[in-house]
Every structure is written in C-alpha cells, then in structure tokens.
Amino acid sequence: MISFSSREKNWMPYLLFLPVLIYLAGFVGYPLIKALGIAFTSEAGKFSFENFITLTRDSTFWKALKNTLLFLIIIVPLQVIFAFLLALFVNSRFKGYMTVLYIISIPLALSDVSAALMSYNIFTSHGFLNKFLMSFGIIETPIYFFGLGLSSRAFWVIVLTELWRATPLVFVILLASLQTISKDYFEAADVFGFSSWQKFFYITLPLTMPSLQSALLIRTLFAFQIFGVVWLLSGRDIPILAGEVYYQQAELNNFQLAATYGFIIAFICIIISWVYITFLRTKHLELKK
C-alpha cells in the first residue's frame, strides 16, 4: 500500500491537475493567443485593425452575425423549455421511465455530421417525410426544403435538427439536478397546502436554478459554434460566424479574416457569459459572510 507524507498530500491535487493545465495551454491557450495576434496583424505584418474594418464592410459578415443570433434566440430557449419538461416527466419515475430516458439520450451519441445526414434523408425531396405525406395523399408533389431560394425552409430544418440533437444534453443536466431535490421539501409543501404550480415556482425552479444557469450558458456558447449541421444542410446559403471561419481558412486560405471571425465569436461568448453570471446569479443559495 502506497502512503504519502503530509507534504506530498498537499502537492498531490496540483500534480493530478497538471495534465489538464498542459492540455489547455497547448491546445486552447496557445492557438487562442496565436489567433489573436493574427487577427490584429495587417498584410504588411504590422499591428492593425484592418481585418476588422474589412469585416464590417462585408455584407456576408452581417448576415452571418444575424443568422447566428437568430439560431441563438430561437434554439436555446426552446431547448431549455423542452429539456425541462422532459426532465420533469422522466423524474416522475413512472413505469418504464428508464426506457424513455434511454430513447431521449440517443442523440448524445451522434455527431453533427450524423445528425445532419439523418435530417437530410428525412427532409430531402425523395426523403421519408415526402414519401410519407404522398403515400397518404396529403401532397401530390414533393416539398423542397433545400436548394436555391429555399434558405428559409432550410433554416427551420436546421432548427429542428439542432433541437433534436442538443436538447438531451440540457435534459441530462436538469434531470440530475431534479434528482438531488429532497422529497422532504415537497412533503412539507403538501402539509402547508401548496398547489403543483406553487411547488414548481417555490421549490423546483429555485433549487434547479444553478443547473439551469449552467445548461443555459453551455448551450449558448455551443450555439455560437454551430457549424456541421448548418454547413451540410445549407452550405453558405445560410452564412453563420463559425461557418465563415472555416470558409475563410479552408477555402480561401485567408487566415487573417478567419482569425478575426474567431476573435469576434470568442468576444461575444465572453460578454454573454459575463451577463449570465452577473444577472442570473443564484443569490439565495450563496453563503452570506
């Protein structure tokens, strides 16, 4: 049996944490600093805001920013609402709830590419949806969701795909939070004659707020990184910020504009994170000094 001295025990947590720090420094910190330097470097190799000025004059940038914010505003609230409802449903522990839990969690095992290809096979002109509707005589000709001039339809297909793909992540976080709530609270509420709505607003919601805040923050940050589903289903017909990073770097070899797009994504994420942490802070659960 290996034993450690008190001095070694004091250093042990830091030694165990060291590999994580090395990984973050090498694969996150260094690329971030490098990209930051490229974003503020002109073609002549000097410090400049030229790349940012170029972006603000490009109409594609504003379209990408608008589409990214639209996805954020639509997808994130719907994911949180659906995930909360599903978590409350599964947490009721009805007969067969474990089967429902496994079914809901299936999309967690799928990559962006897999989810996009499955969605494409459903909504394409010869896909499952059109065949189903035509077999029952609901429509006579296929409905086209993808193609030139159909970006609005493709937009909503992407929204549905992201809802199906990413909602289980929020669901798992909220379900874990619900399962930590002691039944004593609800038994006491029954004694005082609380209704179901009062139990939800005065017990369930406040006690799950920290997890809800974390889930909301995670999904918001991930919403700015939506790329695979959008790129595979619509390409640049629906430009987004993350897609423009790939396009500028991989297609045009313009590393400066790609880094500038990346910096803007990181900056917006930092601002939103600060807003969440500042204004959604669960003060009632904090220890008062």
Foldseek 3Di string as FASTA:
>chain_A
DDDDDPVVVVCVVVVVCVVVVVCCCVPPVVVLVVLVLLQQADPVGDGHNVLVVVLVVDPLNVLQAVLLVVLLVPQLVVLLVVLLVLLVVLLVVDPPSVVVLVVLCVLVPDDLQRLLVVLCQCQAQPHDVQVVCVVVPVDPGGDHCADPPNVVSLSVSLSVSCSSNPSSVLNVLQNVQQVPFDCVVVVVCVVVPDDPVRCCVVPVCLSSLVSSLVSSLVVSLVSLQDDSNCCSSHNSVRHHLNSVLCCCCVVVVNSNSSSNSVVVSVVVSVVVNCCSCVVSPSVVPDDDD
